[in-house]
Structures are given as structure tokens and as C-alpha cells.
Amino acid sequence: MNANVQALSLYPVSTEDPAAAETASVPTLLAVSHSIEETVMRHALDGVFYAGFQRFSSFLPQANRFRLLASRCKKVYVFGYEDAPAPQIENLEYVRLEENAPLNNEWFIIFQHERFGAALLTRQINAQAKNEFGRGRLYQGKFTFNGAVASAAARLLAEALNAPASPQPAADIPAPFNAYVQEFSAYMERAQSRIKNLYGNLSSRTAKLEKLEEIVRRMISRQAWDDALQTLESPRQEEAAYYKKTLSVMFTDIQGFTPIFSAAQPAELTALLNRYFNIIATTVYQHRGDIDKFLGDGVMAFFEDAQDAVSAAEEIQARLHYFNAQNAAHRGIQLNTRIGVATGECMIARVGSEDRRETSLFGDTVNIASRLQIQSPINGLAIDDATHERIGGSLRFRGQDATLKGKGIQHIYTLQYEDLKSR
């Protein structure tokens, strides 16, 4: 018996009915299989039921369903490779296949009864797929209600198992067949409904994720966003997310912000600051810079080119002049700003706790830029010697010695707002 079963293939029988429906879709194969099972159980058809699962582990999720099926049928046979223990079920017999047996590469359902016959005959066409039953696998096959085809397949299995042959279905079998059509239709309706709900949930979650992405991208620097994307693509890069680079760092700060904060209404001040920061941020981006962080009433930004940094600083002050003129006329509030720019080597690194890390700049250049902002004329800017050298030693800047906190006396260059207007 075993030798016959191990050498048997049912797929060639599918060619005996040219009119049989072709199918390769896993969802359709599942719908056909379950609908045949439902039809047999609903009409209590006590025929012989053959099911090829390829592996017993694929059968386990269906065990309870087949326990009920076995209680209605004369006999149930389950074929597959024994890669997992199978539960004992009354009136159900397991047919253990060798791993290389042809039937172990076929997904089939054969039911034989005098009132109803059905055959689902498929073979797997990507044998390398080894994952869960159905998923990731490709099948080629047919299903038919042709009694001769169902009888031929059932006869081959019965002979291989030394089991008695089942009677061939009669020509007139409307009731079970109609039941099958109803069950198949109902199954597909349920599947479509589940797909529709899943698609709706997916669309909703996608919209929320896109909105979240938009919010996060406004909250962090472009450098931090790029680093996060690289970490997704290469998780190990998280551990080595640091490097050194020559950058021009900019600091801005509002002169006398504390009195303004104390006198203004929170809602009005928040709206005003958002407009103020929008001017700074858009100007930085227009000059190929990036925002590292917002610092209360200030901004820290960085540029790869010193001329971009200085040009951005000058344009920020020019745009803020008109911004302040409008605010002074309507609200009596002016946000006078100091800007400092320093150029030199910086370290860019992702730092923080295990739960939250941010990309930040570190180094002496960052500290000097912060100190220069303090030395800047109101509504003007101050730059260090390295920045001044890189922009070609502009004569518009005035050189002077200044004491920078923690750095001693440094030679810096400043530009008053009156000089900005002549640029």
C-alpha cells in the first residue's frame, strides 16, 4: 500500500475534464476547499473525503473543522508529510507521505458520494517555498464537479489505500450542488467583507502615519530625519551614528524676550513666535541649511558652506525688519534678534536614552557660535575669523577683539543692521 501511495500523483487526472475551472489563487483555493466541506456537512453526505495538506503542520489549524467533518462522513483521509504530531480524530485516518512523494507537492480535495462529487486538483509550482500553508506558495490546478473526474481520482486513492471504491455520483444532483454554490458565494462575500474592512483600517492607519510623519518632520532637523531613515534601512548603523564634519553653525536669540513674555498674552505670543520662527526656518532652508533645534526664543542651525550661513543670516535680519515694522504698528511688539555664526569642525551624533535619541551637533564651533550671538549687534550679526576668511574677508564686517565666555579674547567680525541695508 505505502509504495503505491508514495508514487501516486493525482494532478494528471485534472486533464480529463477540459471544461474544469482553472485556479491558482490561494484565496480561491481556500474558498473552494471550505465550500466543499460546508456542503458535505450541511447535507450530511456520508461519502469518503480525501484531503491533501502537504504537511501535517498545515492541517493542525483545521483539526476541529475536520473533527466535525469526520463525524458526518463515512471516512476521512488526510495526506501529508509528518512534520508535526497530529491529533487523534475518530473516523479520520492520516496517510503519512515521504517528503519527496508526489502527493506531498499537491493540494487536493476529493469527495465521492452518489449525490455529490467534487475534485480540487492542484500542484505547487514553486517547490522552494517552505513557509506556512498557502502563503507565499504558487499553485496550478483545476476544480470540477464532473463525477467521472472525481470518481477517477477517488478510485486511484482507494486502490493505493486498499480501500473499497465509492459509488459514482448520479447525473442529477441539484441539491448538494446548489448548496455548494451558496456556500462558495457566502464564503467569498465574507472574504470580500473582511478585505474591505482590512483595507479601510489600512487606509485609516496609513493616513494617520502620513500625518504623523508630517508632524515629526516639522519637529526634527532634516539631518535627524535622514539619520532615522538610514537606521530603518540599516539597524546596525544606529550604533555608529556619529561623524565629524566642517560646518558653519548659526545661533539666533531674541533680545529682551523675558519682558515681552511677561507682558504678552500666551495665545498672541505663541502665534507671533510661530510666524517669527517660520521666517528663520524658511530662510535657512532656502540657503541650503538645516535647523538643529529650537531653543525657547532662539534657533540653532547649521550649513555646509560659510557663505550660505552668512547670506541666510543677513536675509533673516532683513526679513525680520519688515516683520517687526508690522508688529510695532499693530501690537507694539518687536522681536529684535542677534545672530552669531562660527565655522569649524563639528561632531554630529545621535545621543540620548535608550527610549529616545536625537541627532545633535557638538564641538568648540558650536560653543563659539553661541558666544558670538551674545556679542552680535541688535538686529545684526557676528562671525568668527574662520567664517570671515571663508567668505572672502568682506569689508562690510568690522573687525574687533571681544571676550568670549570660556574662550578668552577672540578676534570677531560684526555687521550692524545699518550696514545690512546697503547689501
Protein backbone atom coordinates (compact mmCIF):
# COMPACT_ATOMS: atom_id res chain seq x y z
CA MET A 1 0.00 0.00 0.00
CA ASN A 2 2.61 2.53 1.08
CA ALA A 3 4.68 2.08 -2.08
CA ASN A 4 1.64 2.85 -4.23
CA VAL A 5 0.72 5.93 -2.20
CA GLN A 6 4.28 7.27 -2.22
CA ALA A 7 4.45 7.07 -6.03
CA LEU A 8 0.94 8.36 -6.77
CA SER A 9 0.13 11.74 -8.36
CA LEU A 10 -3.46 13.00 -8.78
CA TYR A 11 -2.73 16.11 -10.80
CA PRO A 12 -2.80 14.35 -14.21
CA VAL A 13 -6.46 13.43 -13.57
CA SER A 14 -7.35 17.15 -13.85
CA THR A 15 -6.78 16.97 -17.62
CA GLU A 16 -9.70 14.56 -18.01
CA ASP A 17 -12.19 17.45 -17.81
CA PRO A 18 -11.29 20.20 -20.34
CA ALA A 19 -14.18 22.32 -19.02
CA ALA A 20 -12.90 22.30 -15.42
CA ALA A 21 -12.35 25.72 -13.87
CA GLU A 22 -8.69 26.68 -13.67
CA THR A 23 -7.48 28.24 -10.45
CA ALA A 24 -4.15 29.31 -8.98
CA SER A 25 -5.17 31.90 -6.39
CA VAL A 26 -4.67 30.74 -2.82
CA PRO A 27 -7.78 32.62 -1.56
CA THR A 28 -9.87 30.92 -4.27
CA LEU A 29 -8.42 27.51 -3.42
CA LEU A 30 -9.31 28.07 0.24
CA ALA A 31 -12.81 29.18 -0.74
CA VAL A 32 -13.32 26.06 -2.89
CA SER A 33 -11.98 23.74 -0.16
CA HIS A 34 -14.10 25.21 2.63
CA SER A 35 -17.20 25.36 0.47
CA ILE A 36 -16.92 21.66 -0.41
CA GLU A 37 -16.51 20.86 3.29
CA GLU A 38 -19.54 23.01 4.22
CA THR A 39 -21.66 21.34 1.54
CA VAL A 40 -20.77 17.86 2.77
CA MET A 41 -21.56 18.76 6.39
CA ARG A 42 -24.78 20.64 5.65
CA HIS A 43 -26.26 17.72 3.66
CA ALA A 44 -24.76 15.03 5.89
CA LEU A 45 -23.26 13.29 2.87
CA ASP A 46 -21.70 10.12 4.25
CA GLY A 47 -19.21 9.61 1.46
CA VAL A 48 -15.40 9.32 1.53
CA PHE A 49 -13.46 12.56 1.87
CA TYR A 50 -9.80 12.84 0.79
CA ALA A 51 -7.71 15.92 1.64
CA GLY A 52 -4.07 16.59 0.77
CA PHE A 53 -2.43 19.16 3.09
CA GLN A 54 1.21 18.61 2.02
CA ARG A 55 2.30 18.69 5.70
CA PHE A 56 0.54 17.78 8.93
CA SER A 57 1.52 21.12 10.46
CA SER A 58 -0.67 22.76 7.80
CA PHE A 59 -3.58 20.56 8.85
CA LEU A 60 -3.47 21.44 12.56
CA PRO A 61 -5.39 24.77 12.26
CA GLN A 62 -8.19 22.81 10.53
CA ALA A 63 -8.30 19.94 13.03
CA ASN A 64 -11.54 20.99 14.77
CA ARG A 65 -13.26 21.57 11.46
CA PHE A 66 -12.21 18.12 10.26
CA ARG A 67 -13.36 16.55 13.53
CA LEU A 68 -16.90 17.68 12.63
CA LEU A 69 -16.43 16.63 9.01
CA ALA A 70 -15.31 13.14 10.10
CA SER A 71 -18.48 12.78 12.18
CA ARG A 72 -20.59 13.26 9.03
CA CYS A 73 -18.57 11.26 6.50
CA LYS A 74 -18.14 7.55 6.01
CA LYS A 75 -14.38 8.08 6.15
CA VAL A 76 -11.89 10.96 6.01
CA TYR A 77 -8.28 10.60 4.84
CA VAL A 78 -5.71 13.34 5.42
CA PHE A 79 -2.47 13.15 3.42
CA GLY A 80 0.77 14.92 4.25
CA TYR A 81 4.35 14.80 5.42
CA GLU A 82 4.52 14.16 9.17
CA ASP A 83 6.38 17.26 10.34
CA ALA A 84 4.24 17.67 13.50
CA PRO A 85 2.17 15.41 15.79
CA ALA A 86 -1.41 15.10 14.58
CA PRO A 87 -4.41 14.75 16.95
CA GLN A 88 -6.38 11.53 17.05
CA ILE A 89 -9.80 12.05 15.43
CA GLU A 90 -12.43 9.35 15.25
CA ASN A 91 -13.16 8.20 11.70
CA LEU A 92 -10.18 10.16 10.35
CA GLU A 93 -7.07 8.39 9.10
CA TYR A 94 -3.73 10.03 8.43
CA VAL A 95 -1.78 8.92 5.37
CA ARG A 96 1.87 9.71 6.04
CA LEU A 97 3.83 10.66 2.94
CA GLU A 98 7.55 10.63 2.40
CA GLU A 99 9.00 14.09 1.95
CA ASN A 100 9.68 13.57 -1.77
CA ALA A 101 6.34 11.85 -2.55
CA PRO A 102 4.44 13.48 -5.49
CA LEU A 103 1.29 13.89 -3.39
CA ASN A 104 3.34 15.90 -0.91
CA ASN A 105 3.61 18.55 -3.62
CA GLU A 106 -0.14 18.64 -4.32
CA TRP A 107 -3.07 20.37 -2.62
CA PHE A 108 -6.22 18.38 -3.28
CA ILE A 109 -9.77 17.74 -2.12
CA ILE A 110 -11.68 14.70 -3.42
CA PHE A 111 -15.20 13.87 -2.32
CA GLN A 112 -17.19 10.93 -3.62
CA HIS A 113 -20.88 10.29 -2.92
CA GLU A 114 -23.79 9.13 -5.04
CA ARG A 115 -25.46 12.54 -4.64
CA PHE A 116 -22.42 14.80 -4.99
CA GLY A 117 -18.91 14.57 -6.34
CA ALA A 118 -16.19 17.24 -6.39
CA ALA A 119 -12.49 17.35 -7.13
CA LEU A 120 -9.93 20.08 -6.45
CA LEU A 121 -6.62 19.05 -8.00
CA THR A 122 -3.59 21.35 -7.82
CA ARG A 123 0.17 21.14 -7.67
CA GLN A 124 2.64 23.56 -6.17
CA ILE A 125 4.81 25.19 -8.84
CA ASN A 126 7.38 26.91 -6.59
CA ALA A 127 8.65 23.96 -4.58
CA GLN A 128 11.30 26.06 -2.83
CA ALA A 129 8.67 27.89 -0.74
CA LYS A 130 8.68 26.36 2.74
CA ASN A 131 6.56 28.78 4.75
CA GLU A 132 3.02 28.46 6.13
CA PHE A 133 0.46 26.52 4.08
CA GLY A 134 -0.78 28.57 1.15
CA ARG A 135 1.10 31.80 1.93
CA GLY A 136 3.99 32.50 -0.39
CA ARG A 137 3.21 29.42 -2.45
CA LEU A 138 2.06 29.26 -6.04
CA TYR A 139 -0.31 26.61 -7.34
CA GLN A 140 -1.58 25.41 -10.68
CA GLY A 141 -4.76 23.36 -10.93
CA LYS A 142 -8.47 22.91 -11.51
CA PHE A 143 -11.67 22.14 -9.66
CA THR A 144 -14.64 20.34 -11.12
CA PHE A 145 -17.99 18.72 -10.32
CA ASN A 146 -17.57 16.23 -13.11
CA GLY A 147 -18.45 12.90 -11.49
CA ALA A 148 -16.16 10.95 -13.78
CA VAL A 149 -13.11 13.04 -12.74
CA ALA A 150 -13.98 12.84 -9.04
CA SER A 151 -14.52 9.07 -9.39
CA ALA A 152 -11.22 8.59 -11.24
CA ALA A 153 -9.25 10.44 -8.56
CA ALA A 154 -11.11 8.66 -5.74
CA ARG A 155 -10.50 5.29 -7.39
CA LEU A 156 -6.73 5.91 -7.59
CA LEU A 157 -6.64 6.79 -3.90
CA ALA A 158 -8.84 3.85 -2.88
CA GLU A 159 -6.64 1.40 -4.80
CA ALA A 160 -3.47 2.84 -3.26
CA LEU A 161 -5.00 2.55 0.22
CA ASN A 162 -6.59 -0.88 -0.42
CA ALA A 163 -9.92 0.72 0.47
CA PRO A 164 -13.34 -0.04 -1.10
CA ALA A 165 -14.34 2.17 -4.04
CA SER A 166 -17.16 4.69 -3.56
CA PRO A 167 -20.21 4.84 -5.83
CA GLN A 168 -20.08 7.30 -8.73
CA PRO A 169 -22.36 10.36 -8.37
CA ALA A 170 -25.66 10.27 -10.24
CA ALA A 171 -26.22 12.64 -13.12
CA ASP A 172 -28.97 14.59 -11.39
CA ILE A 173 -27.56 16.08 -8.15
CA PRO A 174 -29.12 19.56 -7.87
CA ALA A 175 -29.48 19.96 -4.09
CA PRO A 176 -25.87 19.48 -2.90
CA PHE A 177 -24.54 21.28 -5.93
CA ASN A 178 -26.75 24.29 -5.25
CA ALA A 179 -25.65 24.15 -1.63
CA TYR A 180 -22.04 24.27 -2.76
CA VAL A 181 -22.69 27.32 -4.92
CA GLN A 182 -24.40 29.03 -1.98
CA GLU A 183 -21.57 28.17 0.39
CA PHE A 184 -18.94 29.31 -2.08
CA SER A 185 -20.79 32.57 -2.68
CA ALA A 186 -21.20 33.15 1.06
CA TYR A 187 -17.54 32.38 1.67
CA MET A 188 -16.44 34.88 -0.96
CA GLU A 189 -18.83 37.50 0.41
CA ARG A 190 -17.34 37.07 3.87
CA ALA A 191 -13.84 37.23 2.43
CA GLN A 192 -14.68 40.38 0.48
CA SER A 193 -16.17 41.96 3.60
CA ARG A 194 -13.05 41.15 5.62
CA ILE A 195 -10.84 42.53 2.86
CA LYS A 196 -12.94 45.70 2.70
CA ASN A 197 -12.66 46.18 6.47
CA LEU A 198 -8.92 45.48 6.40
CA TYR A 199 -8.46 47.91 3.52
CA GLY A 200 -10.46 50.56 5.40
CA ASN A 201 -8.37 50.06 8.53
CA LEU A 202 -5.18 50.12 6.48
CA SER A 203 -6.21 53.34 4.72
CA SER A 204 -7.03 54.95 8.06
CA ARG A 205 -3.73 53.87 9.62
CA THR A 206 -1.81 54.98 6.53
CA ALA A 207 -3.42 58.43 6.69
CA LYS A 208 -2.53 58.71 10.39
CA LEU A 209 1.05 57.59 9.73
CA GLU A 210 1.40 60.12 6.91
CA LYS A 211 0.08 62.86 9.22
CA LEU A 212 2.44 61.70 11.97
CA GLU A 213 5.35 61.72 9.51
CA GLU A 214 4.44 65.28 8.52
CA ILE A 215 4.38 66.36 12.18
CA VAL A 216 7.64 64.61 13.06
CA ARG A 217 9.42 66.06 10.04
CA ARG A 218 8.48 69.54 11.25
CA MET A 219 9.75 68.75 14.74
CA ILE A 220 13.24 67.49 13.89
CA SER A 221 16.05 68.54 11.58
CA ARG A 222 16.45 67.16 8.09
CA GLN A 223 19.71 65.59 9.23
CA ALA A 224 17.88 63.78 12.05
CA TRP A 225 15.20 62.62 9.60
CA ASP A 226 17.78 61.27 7.16
CA ASP A 227 19.60 59.51 10.01
CA ALA A 228 16.33 57.90 11.13
CA LEU A 229 15.63 56.60 7.61
CA GLN A 230 19.14 55.18 7.38
CA THR A 231 18.65 53.46 10.74
CA LEU A 232 15.47 51.80 9.43
CA GLU A 233 17.35 50.51 6.39
CA SER A 234 20.49 49.54 8.34
CA PRO A 235 19.70 48.98 12.05
CA ARG A 236 23.38 48.40 12.89
CA GLN A 237 24.12 51.91 11.73
CA GLU A 238 22.41 53.14 14.91
CA GLU A 239 25.43 52.03 16.93
CA ALA A 240 27.87 54.02 14.77
CA ALA A 241 25.72 57.10 14.01
CA TYR A 242 28.44 59.74 14.55
CA TYR A 243 30.97 61.53 12.37
CA LYS A 244 32.96 64.77 12.15
CA LYS A 245 32.43 67.46 9.55
CA THR A 246 33.34 71.09 8.96
CA LEU A 247 30.18 73.18 9.29
CA SER A 248 29.06 76.76 9.82
CA VAL A 249 26.85 76.92 12.90
CA MET A 250 24.29 79.70 13.46
CA PHE A 251 22.64 80.78 16.72
CA THR A 252 19.81 83.32 16.94
CA ASP A 253 18.27 84.87 20.04
CA ILE A 254 15.60 87.49 20.79
CA GLN A 255 16.95 90.48 22.71
CA GLY A 256 14.94 91.23 25.88
CA PHE A 257 12.50 88.37 25.43
CA THR A 258 11.65 87.99 29.14
CA PRO A 259 9.75 91.32 29.44
CA ILE A 260 7.89 90.55 26.20
CA PHE A 261 6.96 87.12 27.56
CA SER A 262 5.65 88.61 30.81
CA ALA A 263 3.50 91.26 29.13
CA ALA A 264 2.00 89.37 26.17
CA GLN A 265 -0.97 87.03 26.19
CA PRO A 266 0.05 83.34 25.70
CA ALA A 267 -2.05 82.78 22.58
CA GLU A 268 -0.88 86.01 20.97
CA LEU A 269 2.77 85.34 21.84
CA THR A 270 2.62 81.77 20.54
CA ALA A 271 1.16 82.89 17.19
CA LEU A 272 3.78 85.65 16.97
CA LEU A 273 6.66 83.26 17.71
CA ASN A 274 5.44 80.74 15.15
CA ARG A 275 5.49 83.45 12.46
CA TYR A 276 8.91 84.61 13.65
CA PHE A 277 10.40 81.09 13.60
CA ASN A 278 8.84 80.42 10.21
CA ILE A 279 10.80 83.34 8.75
CA ILE A 280 14.04 81.99 10.20
CA ALA A 281 13.42 78.35 9.22
CA THR A 282 12.34 79.03 5.64
CA THR A 283 15.31 81.34 5.10
CA VAL A 284 17.70 78.71 6.48
CA TYR A 285 16.24 76.05 4.17
CA GLN A 286 16.35 78.40 1.16
CA HIS A 287 20.09 78.79 1.75
CA ARG A 288 20.69 75.02 1.93
CA GLY A 289 20.91 74.97 5.72
CA ASP A 290 19.18 72.86 8.34
CA ILE A 291 17.58 73.52 11.72
CA ASP A 292 19.20 71.56 14.52
CA LYS A 293 16.77 72.67 17.21
CA PHE A 294 14.56 75.47 18.51
CA LEU A 295 15.85 76.85 21.81
CA GLY A 296 12.95 78.62 23.50
CA ASP A 297 13.26 82.04 21.86
CA GLY A 298 16.24 81.05 19.70
CA VAL A 299 17.28 78.76 16.87
CA MET A 300 20.36 76.64 16.23
CA ALA A 301 21.04 75.92 12.56
CA PHE A 302 23.96 74.67 10.52
CA PHE A 303 25.28 74.93 6.95
CA GLU A 304 27.91 73.14 4.91
CA ASP A 305 29.02 76.41 3.28
CA ALA A 306 30.01 79.52 5.25
CA GLN A 307 28.71 81.89 2.55
CA ASP A 308 25.30 80.20 2.74
CA ALA A 309 25.26 80.73 6.51
CA VAL A 310 26.18 84.43 6.29
CA SER A 311 23.76 85.07 3.42
CA ALA A 312 20.98 83.39 5.38
CA ALA A 313 21.79 85.47 8.49
CA GLU A 314 21.70 88.70 6.51
CA GLU A 315 18.40 87.80 4.83
CA ILE A 316 16.86 86.77 8.17
CA GLN A 317 17.61 90.20 9.62
CA ALA A 318 16.28 91.94 6.51
CA ARG A 319 13.02 89.96 6.63
CA LEU A 320 12.67 90.45 10.38
CA HIS A 321 12.96 94.22 9.90
CA TYR A 322 9.71 94.26 7.93
CA PHE A 323 8.18 91.71 10.29
CA ASN A 324 8.92 93.97 13.28
CA ALA A 325 7.64 97.06 11.48
CA GLN A 326 4.26 95.38 11.01
CA ASN A 327 4.13 94.13 14.60
CA ALA A 328 5.11 97.53 16.03
CA ALA A 329 2.27 99.18 14.11
CA HIS A 330 -0.38 96.63 15.17
CA ARG A 331 0.75 95.22 18.51
CA GLY A 332 3.59 97.40 19.73
CA ILE A 333 5.86 94.32 19.94
CA GLN A 334 9.27 93.96 18.32
CA LEU A 335 11.38 90.80 18.31
CA ASN A 336 14.87 92.25 17.95
CA THR A 337 17.33 89.50 17.11
CA ARG A 338 21.03 88.79 17.50
CA ILE A 339 22.76 86.23 15.25
CA GLY A 340 26.14 84.55 15.64
CA VAL A 341 27.93 82.33 13.08
CA ALA A 342 31.08 80.23 13.61
CA THR A 343 32.81 77.79 11.26
CA GLY A 344 34.88 74.73 12.16
CA GLU A 345 34.88 71.02 12.80
CA CYS A 346 31.76 69.62 14.50
CA MET A 347 30.77 66.17 15.62
CA ILE A 348 27.32 65.01 14.51
CA ALA A 349 25.97 62.21 16.70
CA ARG A 350 22.77 60.53 17.84
CA VAL A 351 22.65 60.80 21.62
CA GLY A 352 20.10 60.29 24.36
CA SER A 353 18.49 57.49 26.33
CA GLU A 354 17.57 54.01 25.11
CA ASP A 355 14.00 55.20 24.55
CA ARG A 356 14.76 58.49 22.82
CA ARG A 357 17.73 59.75 20.87
CA GLU A 358 18.28 62.91 18.86
CA THR A 359 20.84 63.94 16.28
CA SER A 360 22.85 66.90 17.63
CA LEU A 361 25.98 68.91 16.92
CA PHE A 362 28.88 69.06 19.37
CA GLY A 363 32.23 70.79 19.50
CA ASP A 364 34.05 74.05 20.07
CA THR A 365 32.47 75.58 16.96
CA VAL A 366 29.00 75.21 18.48
CA ASN A 367 30.11 76.95 21.70
CA ILE A 368 31.80 79.80 19.79
CA ALA A 369 28.67 80.40 17.65
CA SER A 370 26.58 80.62 20.84
CA ARG A 371 29.03 83.14 22.36
CA LEU A 372 29.13 85.19 19.13
CA GLN A 373 25.37 85.54 19.22
CA ILE A 374 25.75 87.31 22.56
CA GLN A 375 28.35 89.69 21.04
CA SER A 376 26.21 90.41 17.98
CA PRO A 377 24.75 93.91 17.49
CA ILE A 378 20.98 94.03 17.93
CA ASN A 379 19.38 93.13 14.57
CA GLY A 380 22.86 92.44 13.21
CA LEU A 381 25.29 89.53 13.26
CA ALA A 382 28.71 88.47 14.49
CA ILE A 383 31.02 85.93 12.84
CA ASP A 384 34.33 84.37 13.79
CA ASP A 385 37.63 84.70 11.95
CA ALA A 386 37.22 81.30 10.20
CA THR A 387 33.85 82.31 8.75
CA HIS A 388 35.15 85.73 7.70
CA GLU A 389 38.06 84.10 5.89
CA ARG A 390 35.80 81.66 4.02
CA ILE A 391 33.51 84.41 2.70
CA GLY A 392 36.49 86.26 1.25
CA GLY A 393 37.19 88.78 4.02
CA SER A 394 34.19 91.04 3.38
CA LEU A 395 34.99 94.70 4.09
CA ARG A 396 31.40 95.25 5.23
CA PHE A 397 32.22 93.49 8.51
CA ARG A 398 34.02 95.39 11.25
CA GLY A 399 36.86 93.53 12.96
CA GLN A 400 37.30 93.84 16.70
CA ASP A 401 38.56 91.96 19.72
CA ALA A 402 35.95 90.60 22.10
CA THR A 403 35.97 88.46 25.20
CA LEU A 404 34.00 85.27 24.65
CA LYS A 405 32.95 83.42 27.77
CA GLY A 406 35.26 80.44 28.30
CA LYS A 407 37.28 81.32 25.18
CA GLY A 408 39.15 84.42 26.24
CA ILE A 409 39.83 87.29 23.86
CA GLN A 410 38.91 86.44 20.26
CA HIS A 411 39.03 88.46 17.05
CA ILE A 412 35.49 88.65 15.70
CA TYR A 413 33.66 90.50 12.94
CA THR A 414 30.30 92.26 13.30
CA LEU A 415 27.77 93.75 10.94
CA GLN A 416 25.27 96.37 12.09
CA TYR A 417 21.75 96.48 10.69
CA GLU A 418 22.52 99.85 9.04
CA ASP A 419 25.25 98.09 7.04
CA LEU A 420 22.85 95.26 6.13
CA LYS A 421 20.54 97.67 4.35
CA SER A 422 23.26 98.56 1.86
CA ARG A 423 23.94 94.99 0.77
